[in-house]
Every structure is written in structure tokens, then in C-alpha cells.
Amino acid sequence: MPKKRAAGAARPHTYWHTYRVKGENGEPVVKRRQRWMVRVDIGTDAEGRRLRKTFTGPSSAAVKEKLRVAREELATTGALSDGSASLSKYIGFFLSSAEQRVAPKTYGAYRACLTKYCQEWMGVRMVDFVPTTIQRILDKAKEDGRSVSYRHQLWTCLDQVFDLALGDRVIRMNPVKGVKVRGQSEVQTGRRAFSVPELKSMLMATLDMPPSEGAIWWWRIFTGMRQSEILGAQIRYLHLDGDQPWYELTRTLAEIPRVHGCQGRIDGEWACGHRFAARCPKARWRVPDGYIMEQLEGRLCLITPKSGKSRPVPVVPELAEVMRRYFDATRGWPNPHGLVFRNRDGSPRTWKTDTAEFKALLVKAGMDPEERTGHETRYSAVTLMRKAGKDTKAIEEMIGHTSIKVDDIYTTIDGEQRADTVQAIPQALRLPAALVPSGAEPTAEEIEAERRRKHEERVRSRRGVGSRKPAGER
């Protein structure tokens, strides 16, 4: 029992601490030394059992100081900090919660940045973190060449992790609040809009392409849609008839992972016997509750757009004509998923293939593919419409930005305004009516020859240049 003063307050008392050290002959030697300790009541648990916390130290003064700090914390927060809780524990809490709150891609980004840059501090107690420690984590990301936006995302994740610990009264303050991401107010993406001559060069580069290959680049330039939105576009939402053709953007392509649904690991192996989660008989999608998605093939799924809602995208007459020729050229292609743009076998186009073909288009148009990205076509669309003095509300609604001011909420945009806004793109480019992709569609023999050529290139790249031995040495 703790010793008390006459007033009932606990006071430190001595005890003998027994420990072992290695002797001169290597054998363990038991030693004792006198230390000080005190126990204080911190309430009761859920079952009404008495809870106490023990403080020890080399002297009475050291124990009294610990007791004073504990009493102040108990009076301020109503509880004492749990000094044993580590960063690893609360990162686990945060990721478990995020898995049910955010999109799968966002969850993957949270998990990647925390596990990569906090690995060194996973075993550190939450109470031992100070702003300087958080700054070291952010500096480590900066040394790896991470952008300001990436470091800000890391900062945000850490802030939420320590807020969880603060809510549990594990820590008395959030050390992340005392750190600022350097350069946060000067975020530069390095991207820029394509100029009018550059856009014309890309369109001219599509003239000798068959409509089945060139139409997607016209669609990208004239709609300003994101890459995933283009790859996930479906025919049922495209309306080419009427005076004002338009597309209703309701879905975007995404890669959704699955996780094991079995009981877990047993001796290092999953209970289902499969290493990969996709093969688990009880596999489940790693998505939040109520998440809207439609599986296409494997991990490829259609989900709601980034803005969280559908939006109309006007189709200018020049683009409508290109799309009609495109549908005529691809009429015989299988299309099990109803996609606008797909491979010849009906499978969805992937980001890797689309990016590689866009870089090839840039080379054909006389531009350096290492200096430009496909996402810059969105910058181009916005820039051309703004230069034409079109309504900002209409531009943001068509492009799908969510940064509209609150006082714009009461402004509504009709179809005629959207069509007039997007007309700024062909007007700026001043394209002749006959400028559409009109190359001949490749024959089956040409397609097979191209497939073999690409296969041989991949084989050579895996083997390495000059790695093939002469016939006499094999």
C-alpha cells in the first residue's frame, strides 16, 4: 500500500530494486540498490476495478517531480498519458479508419507515405515525439526529392494520427501543429498549357492515323477531360444527335485492389492457402462503405468522378464528326463493357498504354515527351476558354473543378452556355472543316505484324542489347 501523509496524500517511499549484471567470470551477479517509488489512484476501469499508476526514480525529488506533472495532467485532462503507446499503434488505427472513409487510391497514398517515411520511428512512444522529430520526417521526404504537395500530404496524415492519440489522452499536445511544410504556399506543379501551335501540331499528326487511333487525341484536346475519365467513358452517356452534342460524365476508370477475407495468417500463410488476395475465395474489395463501383476486368473498375458528381461535357461539331467516323471504323470491335475507347479485343485501355501512345504522338508532333504530360491538355482547354473571356463558372463546371466559391453556388449554367464556352477551343485553333483523321484502317496482317514486332522488342529489352550469344556458344 502507498504510504500517506496525515492529510491522505501519497508520498514517495524507498524500495529495493534487484537487477543482474555480468560478473568478471561471465556469470550473472545479482545486485540490489535503493530507489524511490509512489503509487497514485487514476480511477476505475469499465468493470469498476481500481486503477493505479506507479512512478519510480533514483531519488525522492525525482519521484515528486513526476508526481507533480502527473497530477497537473490529471487535473487538466482527467486522465494520464499512456506512455507505452507507439507510433506504429496509432498509424494502424488511422489506416484502419481511412480504409472505410476515403477512396482506395487515397488510402493507398496514405499508407505508402506513412510506411515509407515513418518506418524509422514506428517503435517510438507517442509521448516522446516533439515538433523537431516531425520536421525530421518531413525533411527525409524532401531529401528523397518529394514535392511540396507530397510532403503536405504526409504532414496531413501525421496530423490526423496524432489527433487520434490526443483524443485518447495518450499525449497532451499534437507536435505536428508546431511544424509547417516549407514552401507550402509556393506549390509549383511544373506543368504548363500547350500553346495553339503545339495543339495544331498534335492534331496534324493524327491526319495519317486511322480514325480508330486518332479520335482519342481529339477527344482529349477538345474536352479537357482527365485521363481516367476518358478511359472510363461509356457509349450510353454520349449523345451525338441534336443541335448540341454532349457527353454525360458519370464514371471514371480506377484500379481497385482486393484484400483477403479469410481468417488471417496461420504460421505465416494465409488461411485460404493463396498468397494473392484476388484468389482468396472470400476476397473483398478495399473500398469504403457504400462505395459505388462497377467491375470491368480484374482490378479495373468504373467509379464516380473525382468531383463526386456527374457533369455534362459539350462536344463541338468538329469533335462530333471525328467520333462518328471513329464509331464507323470500330463497329466490328467487341465491346462487352460499352466503352467509348477500347482495345481491338474489347478490353479496356490502360493508363500505361494510353501514356505510351500519347508520348509517341508528341514525338510525331515534334515535341519532347519527357518535358510534357497528357494532363497538360486540361490546362490547355482551360487557358483557351479563359482567353476567350468565357464564364468562369461554366469552365469550372465543364472541367470538373471543385474550387467554385460559395457565392457562385446560386449561379446555374444551361447547356447553351456550356456549348458556347467550349467553342472557344476550335475557334482559337482555327481548324478547317476537313481536318479530321482519315488514314486507312490497318489490315489483320498489319495488326499481327505490329504485335509481333512489339513482342520482339519487349523480349530484346528484357534480355539486354547484345546479350544473345552466337549459335556456336549456346
Protein backbone atom coordinates (compact mmCIF):
# COMPACT_ATOMS: atom_id res chain seq x y z
CA MET A 1 0.00 0.00 0.00
CA PRO A 2 1.28 3.51 -0.70
CA LYS A 3 2.37 5.47 2.32
CA LYS A 4 0.37 8.61 3.01
CA ARG A 5 0.73 11.76 4.98
CA ALA A 6 -1.74 12.63 7.68
CA ALA A 7 -3.76 14.56 5.09
CA GLY A 8 -4.06 11.42 2.99
CA ALA A 9 -1.74 12.47 0.13
CA ALA A 10 0.58 9.80 -1.28
CA ARG A 11 4.31 10.35 -0.71
CA PRO A 12 7.38 8.59 -2.09
CA HIS A 13 8.97 5.77 -0.15
CA THR A 14 12.01 3.58 -0.70
CA TYR A 15 12.21 0.06 -2.04
CA TRP A 16 14.97 -2.32 -3.07
CA HIS A 17 15.45 -2.75 -6.82
CA THR A 18 17.02 -6.09 -7.77
CA TYR A 19 18.85 -6.46 -11.06
CA ARG A 20 21.50 -8.65 -12.68
CA VAL A 21 24.86 -7.82 -14.25
CA LYS A 22 27.60 -9.92 -15.81
CA GLY A 23 30.45 -10.71 -13.42
CA GLU A 24 34.17 -10.99 -14.07
CA ASN A 25 33.91 -14.69 -14.92
CA GLY A 26 30.90 -14.12 -17.19
CA GLU A 27 28.38 -15.46 -14.72
CA PRO A 28 25.36 -13.29 -13.79
CA VAL A 29 25.64 -11.46 -10.48
CA VAL A 30 22.56 -10.31 -8.56
CA LYS A 31 22.76 -6.79 -7.14
CA ARG A 32 20.42 -4.51 -5.23
CA ARG A 33 20.07 -0.79 -4.93
CA GLN A 34 17.67 1.51 -3.15
CA ARG A 35 15.18 3.51 -5.26
CA TRP A 36 12.08 5.58 -4.60
CA MET A 37 8.50 4.97 -5.69
CA VAL A 38 4.94 6.21 -5.25
CA ARG A 39 1.54 4.97 -6.45
CA VAL A 40 -1.46 7.15 -7.24
CA ASP A 41 -5.09 6.27 -7.97
CA ILE A 42 -6.22 7.17 -11.50
CA GLY A 43 -9.82 5.95 -11.31
CA THR A 44 -11.54 2.67 -12.13
CA ASP A 45 -11.87 0.55 -15.26
CA ALA A 46 -15.07 -0.49 -17.06
CA GLU A 47 -15.66 -3.27 -14.51
CA GLY A 48 -15.19 -0.98 -11.52
CA ARG A 49 -11.71 -2.23 -10.63
CA ARG A 50 -9.27 0.19 -9.05
CA LEU A 51 -6.58 1.58 -11.36
CA ARG A 52 -3.23 2.84 -10.09
CA LYS A 53 -0.07 4.18 -11.70
CA THR A 54 3.43 3.77 -10.28
CA PHE A 55 6.25 6.29 -10.58
CA THR A 56 9.83 5.37 -9.72
CA GLY A 57 13.12 7.25 -9.61
CA PRO A 58 16.63 7.37 -8.13
CA SER A 59 15.63 9.97 -5.52
CA SER A 60 12.65 11.29 -3.68
CA ALA A 61 12.86 14.62 -5.53
CA ALA A 62 12.76 12.91 -8.95
CA VAL A 63 9.67 10.92 -7.99
CA LYS A 64 7.97 14.01 -6.56
CA GLU A 65 8.54 15.85 -9.86
CA LYS A 66 6.95 13.01 -11.83
CA LEU A 67 4.06 13.01 -9.39
CA ARG A 68 3.57 16.76 -9.76
CA VAL A 69 3.45 16.55 -13.56
CA ALA A 70 1.00 13.63 -13.40
CA ARG A 71 -1.34 15.49 -11.05
CA GLU A 72 -1.35 18.55 -13.32
CA GLU A 73 -2.16 16.36 -16.32
CA LEU A 74 -4.88 14.54 -14.37
CA ALA A 75 -6.45 17.83 -13.31
CA THR A 76 -6.30 19.24 -16.87
CA THR A 77 -7.37 16.27 -18.99
CA GLY A 78 -8.98 13.93 -16.49
CA ALA A 79 -6.58 11.11 -17.39
CA LEU A 80 -2.89 10.26 -17.50
CA SER A 81 -0.95 9.71 -20.71
CA ASP A 82 -0.30 6.15 -21.80
CA GLY A 83 3.46 6.27 -22.18
CA SER A 84 3.64 2.83 -23.83
CA ALA A 85 1.58 3.61 -26.96
CA SER A 86 3.86 3.78 -30.03
CA LEU A 87 3.54 5.50 -33.39
CA SER A 88 3.01 2.12 -35.07
CA LYS A 89 -0.11 1.51 -32.99
CA TYR A 90 -1.78 4.80 -33.94
CA ILE A 91 -0.79 4.61 -37.60
CA GLY A 92 -2.64 1.29 -37.59
CA PHE A 93 -5.70 2.97 -36.06
CA PHE A 94 -5.56 5.78 -38.63
CA LEU A 95 -5.20 3.49 -41.67
CA SER A 96 -7.99 1.22 -40.44
CA SER A 97 -10.27 4.24 -40.19
CA ALA A 98 -9.13 5.72 -43.52
CA GLU A 99 -9.87 2.46 -45.33
CA GLN A 100 -13.56 2.98 -44.55
CA ARG A 101 -13.62 6.72 -45.24
CA VAL A 102 -11.61 7.58 -48.35
CA ALA A 103 -11.25 6.30 -51.90
CA PRO A 104 -8.95 3.29 -52.44
CA LYS A 105 -6.37 5.38 -54.31
CA THR A 106 -6.27 7.93 -51.50
CA TYR A 107 -5.94 5.17 -48.90
CA GLY A 108 -3.04 3.69 -50.88
CA ALA A 109 -1.29 7.07 -50.93
CA TYR A 110 -1.75 7.48 -47.15
CA ARG A 111 -0.40 4.03 -46.45
CA ALA A 112 2.58 4.41 -48.81
CA CYS A 113 3.83 7.73 -47.40
CA LEU A 114 3.40 6.74 -43.74
CA THR A 115 5.06 3.32 -44.02
CA LYS A 116 7.93 4.68 -46.12
CA TYR A 117 8.90 7.77 -44.14
CA CYS A 118 7.86 6.79 -40.60
CA GLN A 119 9.48 3.35 -40.59
CA GLU A 120 12.44 4.57 -38.52
CA TRP A 121 10.15 5.96 -35.81
CA MET A 122 7.49 3.21 -35.65
CA GLY A 123 8.62 1.96 -32.24
CA VAL A 124 8.94 5.42 -30.68
CA ARG A 125 6.38 6.27 -27.99
CA MET A 126 3.82 8.90 -28.91
CA VAL A 127 4.70 10.93 -25.80
CA ASP A 128 8.33 11.19 -26.96
CA PHE A 129 7.54 12.99 -30.22
CA VAL A 130 8.31 16.71 -30.46
CA PRO A 131 8.00 19.13 -33.41
CA THR A 132 11.66 18.57 -34.24
CA THR A 133 11.00 14.85 -34.75
CA ILE A 134 8.14 15.61 -37.14
CA GLN A 135 10.40 18.02 -39.03
CA ARG A 136 13.00 15.26 -39.44
CA ILE A 137 10.37 13.00 -41.02
CA LEU A 138 9.35 15.73 -43.48
CA ASP A 139 12.99 16.56 -44.24
CA LYS A 140 13.62 12.90 -45.06
CA ALA A 141 10.88 13.08 -47.69
CA LYS A 142 12.38 16.30 -49.05
CA GLU A 143 15.81 14.67 -49.35
CA ASP A 144 14.20 11.96 -51.48
CA GLY A 145 13.04 14.66 -53.90
CA ARG A 146 9.39 14.57 -52.90
CA SER A 147 7.29 17.54 -53.99
CA VAL A 148 5.75 20.08 -51.66
CA SER A 149 2.28 18.63 -52.26
CA TYR A 150 3.52 15.13 -51.34
CA ARG A 151 5.12 16.44 -48.13
CA HIS A 152 1.93 18.29 -47.29
CA GLN A 153 0.01 15.03 -47.68
CA LEU A 154 2.50 13.35 -45.31
CA TRP A 155 2.04 16.24 -42.86
CA THR A 156 -1.75 15.87 -43.05
CA CYS A 157 -1.57 12.13 -42.34
CA LEU A 158 0.71 12.65 -39.33
CA ASP A 159 -1.56 15.41 -38.05
CA GLN A 160 -4.56 13.06 -38.09
CA VAL A 161 -2.54 10.24 -36.47
CA PHE A 162 -1.51 12.44 -33.54
CA ASP A 163 -5.02 13.91 -33.27
CA LEU A 164 -6.26 10.36 -32.62
CA ALA A 165 -3.71 9.97 -29.82
CA LEU A 166 -4.67 13.39 -28.44
CA GLY A 167 -8.33 12.38 -28.39
CA ASP A 168 -7.41 9.23 -26.46
CA ARG A 169 -5.46 11.40 -23.97
CA VAL A 170 -2.30 9.50 -24.81
CA ILE A 171 -0.49 12.79 -25.46
CA ARG A 172 -1.07 16.26 -24.08
CA MET A 173 -0.36 18.15 -27.32
CA ASN A 174 -0.10 17.44 -31.05
CA PRO A 175 3.54 18.06 -32.09
CA VAL A 176 2.58 18.21 -35.77
CA LYS A 177 0.81 21.53 -35.21
CA GLY A 178 4.17 23.15 -34.49
CA VAL A 179 5.59 22.25 -37.91
CA LYS A 180 4.89 23.89 -41.26
CA VAL A 181 5.62 22.35 -44.64
CA ARG A 182 8.30 24.58 -46.13
CA GLY A 183 7.28 26.02 -49.47
CA GLN A 184 3.64 25.05 -48.99
CA SER A 185 2.43 28.45 -50.19
CA GLU A 186 4.58 28.20 -53.31
CA VAL A 187 3.40 24.90 -54.74
CA GLN A 188 4.54 24.62 -58.34
CA THR A 189 3.47 21.65 -60.46
CA GLY A 190 5.88 22.41 -63.30
CA ARG A 191 3.05 21.86 -65.79
CA ARG A 192 2.06 24.32 -68.47
CA ALA A 193 -0.60 24.54 -71.12
CA PHE A 194 0.10 23.54 -74.70
CA SER A 195 0.24 26.55 -77.00
CA VAL A 196 -2.05 26.89 -80.02
CA PRO A 197 0.75 25.89 -82.47
CA GLU A 198 1.54 22.83 -80.32
CA LEU A 199 -2.09 21.75 -80.23
CA LYS A 200 -2.31 22.18 -84.01
CA SER A 201 0.85 20.08 -84.42
CA MET A 202 -0.72 17.26 -82.41
CA LEU A 203 -3.91 17.37 -84.46
CA MET A 204 -1.94 17.45 -87.71
CA ALA A 205 0.00 14.39 -86.50
CA THR A 206 -3.29 12.45 -86.37
CA LEU A 207 -4.21 13.07 -90.02
CA ASP A 208 -2.47 9.96 -91.36
CA MET A 209 -3.81 7.85 -88.48
CA PRO A 210 -6.94 5.73 -88.92
CA PRO A 211 -9.96 7.15 -87.03
CA SER A 212 -9.75 4.25 -84.56
CA GLU A 213 -6.37 5.58 -83.37
CA GLY A 214 -6.60 9.34 -83.82
CA ALA A 215 -10.05 10.04 -82.35
CA ILE A 216 -8.97 9.68 -78.72
CA TRP A 217 -6.48 12.57 -79.05
CA TRP A 218 -9.14 14.84 -80.50
CA TRP A 219 -11.39 13.87 -77.60
CA ARG A 220 -8.66 14.70 -75.08
CA ILE A 221 -7.86 18.10 -76.60
CA PHE A 222 -11.45 19.26 -77.15
CA THR A 223 -13.00 18.07 -73.86
CA GLY A 224 -10.22 18.70 -71.33
CA MET A 225 -11.21 15.51 -69.51
CA ARG A 226 -8.83 13.65 -67.18
CA GLN A 227 -7.09 10.54 -68.46
CA SER A 228 -9.09 8.18 -66.21
CA GLU A 229 -12.34 9.89 -67.25
CA ILE A 230 -11.51 9.32 -70.92
CA LEU A 231 -10.56 5.68 -70.40
CA GLY A 232 -13.79 5.10 -68.47
CA ALA A 233 -16.10 6.90 -70.94
CA GLN A 234 -19.12 4.80 -71.97
CA ILE A 235 -21.13 4.99 -75.20
CA ARG A 236 -24.50 5.08 -73.44
CA TYR A 237 -23.68 8.50 -72.00
CA LEU A 238 -22.59 10.04 -75.33
CA HIS A 239 -25.29 12.00 -77.19
CA LEU A 240 -24.16 12.93 -80.72
CA ASP A 241 -27.65 13.63 -82.10
CA GLY A 242 -29.25 17.03 -81.85
CA ASP A 243 -28.06 20.59 -82.24
CA GLN A 244 -25.78 20.45 -79.19
CA PRO A 245 -23.97 17.10 -78.87
CA TRP A 246 -22.73 16.35 -75.36
CA TYR A 247 -21.36 13.67 -73.08
CA GLU A 248 -22.61 12.97 -69.56
CA LEU A 249 -19.54 12.21 -67.44
CA THR A 250 -20.71 9.84 -64.71
CA ARG A 251 -17.90 7.28 -64.44
CA THR A 252 -14.11 7.19 -64.40
CA LEU A 253 -11.70 4.26 -64.64
CA ALA A 254 -9.86 3.20 -61.47
CA GLU A 255 -7.77 0.31 -60.25
CA ILE A 256 -9.35 -1.11 -57.08
CA PRO A 257 -7.38 -3.66 -55.03
CA ARG A 258 -8.83 -6.57 -53.08
CA VAL A 259 -7.84 -7.87 -49.65
CA HIS A 260 -8.08 -11.29 -48.04
CA GLY A 261 -11.43 -12.10 -46.48
CA CYS A 262 -10.26 -15.28 -44.75
CA GLN A 263 -9.35 -15.56 -41.06
CA GLY A 264 -5.82 -14.26 -41.49
CA ARG A 265 -2.31 -15.69 -41.41
CA ILE A 266 -1.54 -19.02 -39.78
CA ASP A 267 2.20 -19.70 -39.36
CA GLY A 268 2.96 -17.05 -41.95
CA GLU A 269 0.49 -18.40 -44.54
CA TRP A 270 -2.98 -17.13 -45.34
CA ALA A 271 -5.79 -19.37 -44.11
CA CYS A 272 -7.20 -19.70 -47.65
CA GLY A 273 -3.87 -21.07 -48.90
CA HIS A 274 -3.44 -18.34 -51.53
CA ARG A 275 -0.74 -15.69 -51.45
CA PHE A 276 -2.60 -13.13 -53.55
CA ALA A 277 -5.83 -11.65 -52.19
CA ALA A 278 -7.58 -11.79 -55.57
CA ARG A 279 -7.51 -15.61 -55.40
CA CYS A 280 -8.96 -15.80 -51.89
CA PRO A 281 -12.48 -17.34 -52.03
CA LYS A 282 -13.66 -14.69 -49.56
CA ALA A 283 -11.74 -11.78 -51.07
CA ARG A 284 -13.34 -8.37 -50.61
CA TRP A 285 -12.81 -5.02 -52.32
CA ARG A 286 -10.81 -2.49 -50.32
CA VAL A 287 -13.37 0.30 -50.55
CA PRO A 288 -15.30 2.40 -48.02
CA ASP A 289 -18.83 1.50 -47.02
CA GLY A 290 -21.39 2.45 -49.66
CA TYR A 291 -18.72 2.95 -52.35
CA ILE A 292 -20.18 2.94 -55.89
CA MET A 293 -18.18 0.85 -58.35
CA GLU A 294 -18.64 -1.45 -61.33
CA GLN A 295 -16.02 -4.11 -62.05
CA LEU A 296 -14.80 -4.45 -65.63
CA GLU A 297 -11.82 -6.82 -65.63
CA GLY A 298 -9.60 -7.84 -62.72
CA ARG A 299 -8.81 -4.72 -60.70
CA LEU A 300 -10.18 -2.34 -63.34
CA CYS A 301 -13.46 -0.77 -62.21
CA LEU A 302 -15.68 2.18 -63.03
CA ILE A 303 -16.28 4.59 -60.16
CA THR A 304 -17.75 8.07 -59.66
CA PRO A 305 -15.65 11.02 -60.91
CA LYS A 306 -13.13 12.83 -58.73
CA SER A 307 -15.58 15.66 -58.10
CA GLY A 308 -18.05 13.14 -56.67
CA LYS A 309 -20.85 14.00 -59.10
CA SER A 310 -21.66 13.75 -62.79
CA ARG A 311 -21.23 16.67 -65.15
CA PRO A 312 -22.12 17.44 -68.80
CA VAL A 313 -19.28 17.91 -71.30
CA PRO A 314 -20.24 19.66 -74.57
CA VAL A 315 -18.98 18.09 -77.82
CA VAL A 316 -18.08 20.64 -80.51
CA PRO A 317 -19.15 19.88 -84.12
CA GLU A 318 -15.56 19.13 -85.20
CA LEU A 319 -15.20 16.51 -82.48
CA ALA A 320 -18.67 15.08 -83.17
CA GLU A 321 -17.68 14.43 -86.79
CA VAL A 322 -14.46 12.69 -85.70
CA MET A 323 -16.40 10.49 -83.27
CA ARG A 324 -18.91 9.46 -85.95
CA ARG A 325 -16.05 8.29 -88.15
CA TYR A 326 -14.49 6.56 -85.15
CA PHE A 327 -17.67 4.56 -84.42
CA ASP A 328 -17.94 3.58 -88.09
CA ALA A 329 -14.36 2.31 -88.03
CA THR A 330 -14.78 0.35 -84.77
CA ARG A 331 -18.26 -1.04 -85.41
CA GLY A 332 -16.91 -4.60 -85.67
CA TRP A 333 -14.84 -4.45 -82.48
CA PRO A 334 -16.20 -6.35 -79.46
CA ASN A 335 -17.37 -4.09 -76.64
CA PRO A 336 -18.52 -6.08 -73.58
CA HIS A 337 -18.26 -3.06 -71.27
CA GLY A 338 -19.79 -0.41 -73.55
CA LEU A 339 -16.64 1.74 -73.52
CA VAL A 340 -16.08 4.56 -75.99
CA PHE A 341 -12.32 3.88 -76.28
CA ARG A 342 -11.10 0.31 -76.01
CA ASN A 343 -8.61 -2.16 -77.45
CA ARG A 344 -9.37 -4.20 -80.56
CA ASP A 345 -10.29 -7.22 -78.43
CA GLY A 346 -12.80 -5.15 -76.42
CA SER A 347 -10.64 -4.92 -73.28
CA PRO A 348 -10.27 -1.53 -71.51
CA ARG A 349 -7.35 0.70 -72.40
CA THR A 350 -4.90 1.06 -69.51
CA TRP A 351 -3.04 4.12 -68.29
CA LYS A 352 0.31 2.66 -69.32
CA THR A 353 -0.77 2.06 -72.91
CA ASP A 354 -2.51 5.43 -73.19
CA THR A 355 0.51 7.31 -71.83
CA ALA A 356 2.92 5.49 -74.14
CA GLU A 357 0.79 6.27 -77.20
CA PHE A 358 0.43 9.93 -76.18
CA LYS A 359 4.22 10.23 -75.89
CA ALA A 360 4.52 8.72 -79.37
CA LEU A 361 2.08 11.38 -80.61
CA LEU A 362 4.23 14.11 -79.05
CA VAL A 363 7.32 12.76 -80.82
CA LYS A 364 5.42 12.71 -84.11
CA ALA A 365 4.33 16.32 -83.47
CA GLY A 366 7.94 17.41 -82.88
CA MET A 367 7.82 17.76 -79.08
CA ASP A 368 9.89 16.22 -76.29
CA PRO A 369 7.76 13.60 -74.48
CA GLU A 370 9.96 13.85 -71.38
CA GLU A 371 9.03 17.50 -70.88
CA ARG A 372 5.26 17.31 -71.42
CA THR A 373 2.40 15.25 -69.97
CA GLY A 374 -1.07 14.33 -71.14
CA HIS A 375 -2.64 16.12 -68.18
CA GLU A 376 -1.48 19.42 -69.66
CA THR A 377 -4.26 19.18 -72.24
CA ARG A 378 -6.61 20.12 -69.39
CA TYR A 379 -4.52 23.23 -68.78
CA SER A 380 -4.78 24.00 -72.50
CA ALA A 381 -8.57 23.71 -72.57
CA VAL A 382 -8.97 25.99 -69.54
CA THR A 383 -6.43 28.51 -70.88
CA LEU A 384 -8.09 28.80 -74.30
CA MET A 385 -11.57 29.22 -72.79
CA ARG A 386 -10.38 31.85 -70.32
CA LYS A 387 -8.52 33.76 -73.03
CA ALA A 388 -11.79 33.89 -74.95
CA GLY A 389 -13.41 35.52 -71.90
CA LYS A 390 -15.82 32.68 -71.20
CA ASP A 391 -17.70 32.45 -67.92
CA THR A 392 -15.51 31.06 -65.10
CA LYS A 393 -18.44 29.18 -63.57
CA ALA A 394 -19.14 27.41 -66.86
CA ILE A 395 -15.45 26.50 -67.31
CA GLU A 396 -15.12 25.03 -63.82
CA GLU A 397 -18.34 23.07 -64.17
CA MET A 398 -17.33 21.61 -67.54
CA ILE A 399 -13.77 20.75 -66.49
CA GLY A 400 -14.88 19.28 -63.15
CA HIS A 401 -13.03 21.51 -60.69
CA THR A 402 -14.43 21.75 -57.16
CA SER A 403 -12.91 25.13 -56.24
CA ILE A 404 -16.00 27.19 -57.01
CA LYS A 405 -16.62 29.98 -54.49
CA VAL A 406 -19.64 29.80 -52.23
CA ASP A 407 -21.24 32.87 -53.81
CA ASP A 408 -21.24 31.01 -57.16
CA ILE A 409 -23.50 28.28 -55.83
CA TYR A 410 -26.59 30.27 -56.77
CA THR A 411 -25.41 30.64 -60.38
CA THR A 412 -26.73 27.97 -62.76
CA ILE A 413 -25.33 27.14 -66.19
CA ASP A 414 -27.51 25.79 -69.01
CA GLY A 415 -26.50 23.64 -71.99
CA GLU A 416 -26.29 26.58 -74.39
CA GLN A 417 -23.78 28.37 -72.14
CA ARG A 418 -21.64 25.24 -71.88
CA ALA A 419 -21.65 24.75 -75.66
CA ASP A 420 -20.69 28.39 -76.20
CA THR A 421 -17.86 28.05 -73.66
CA VAL A 422 -16.24 25.00 -75.27
CA GLN A 423 -16.48 26.57 -78.73
CA ALA A 424 -13.51 28.73 -77.68
CA ILE A 425 -11.16 25.78 -78.33
CA PRO A 426 -11.82 25.21 -82.08
CA GLN A 427 -12.15 28.96 -82.59
CA ALA A 428 -8.69 29.50 -81.12
CA LEU A 429 -7.21 26.70 -83.22
CA ARG A 430 -9.00 27.92 -86.39
CA LEU A 431 -9.27 24.44 -87.83
CA PRO A 432 -10.56 23.83 -91.38
CA ALA A 433 -13.66 21.66 -91.54
CA ALA A 434 -11.89 18.87 -93.45
CA LEU A 435 -9.16 18.42 -90.82
CA VAL A 436 -10.08 15.03 -89.34
CA PRO A 437 -8.19 11.73 -89.01
CA SER A 438 -8.67 9.88 -92.29
CA GLY A 439 -5.92 7.28 -92.50
CA ALA A 440 -6.72 3.77 -93.65
CA GLU A 441 -7.59 1.18 -91.03
CA PRO A 442 -4.81 -1.44 -90.69
CA THR A 443 -5.45 -4.93 -92.04
CA ALA A 444 -5.40 -8.08 -89.91
CA GLU A 445 -1.94 -8.93 -91.31
CA GLU A 446 -0.59 -5.50 -90.41
CA ILE A 447 -2.00 -5.75 -86.89
CA GLU A 448 -0.40 -9.18 -86.40
CA ALA A 449 2.95 -7.93 -87.73
CA GLU A 450 2.86 -4.96 -85.37
CA ARG A 451 2.02 -7.23 -82.46
CA ARG A 452 4.97 -9.48 -83.25
CA ARG A 453 7.29 -6.50 -83.60
CA LYS A 454 6.34 -5.15 -80.19
CA HIS A 455 6.71 -8.61 -78.65
CA GLU A 456 10.22 -8.96 -80.08
CA GLU A 457 11.13 -5.51 -78.75
CA ARG A 458 9.98 -6.47 -75.26
CA VAL A 459 11.97 -9.71 -75.41
CA ARG A 460 15.11 -7.87 -76.53
CA SER A 461 14.72 -5.24 -73.82
CA ARG A 462 14.44 -7.95 -71.15
CA ARG A 463 17.50 -9.81 -72.44
CA GLY A 464 19.52 -6.64 -72.91
CA VAL A 465 21.23 -5.35 -76.02
CA GLY A 466 23.91 -7.75 -77.25
CA SER A 467 23.09 -10.43 -74.67
CA ARG A 468 22.20 -13.02 -77.29
CA LYS A 469 25.11 -15.45 -77.70
CA PRO A 470 26.33 -16.73 -81.09
CA ALA A 471 24.89 -20.07 -82.22
CA GLY A 472 28.16 -21.91 -81.56
CA GLU A 473 28.23 -20.79 -77.90
CA ARG A 474 24.68 -21.72 -76.97
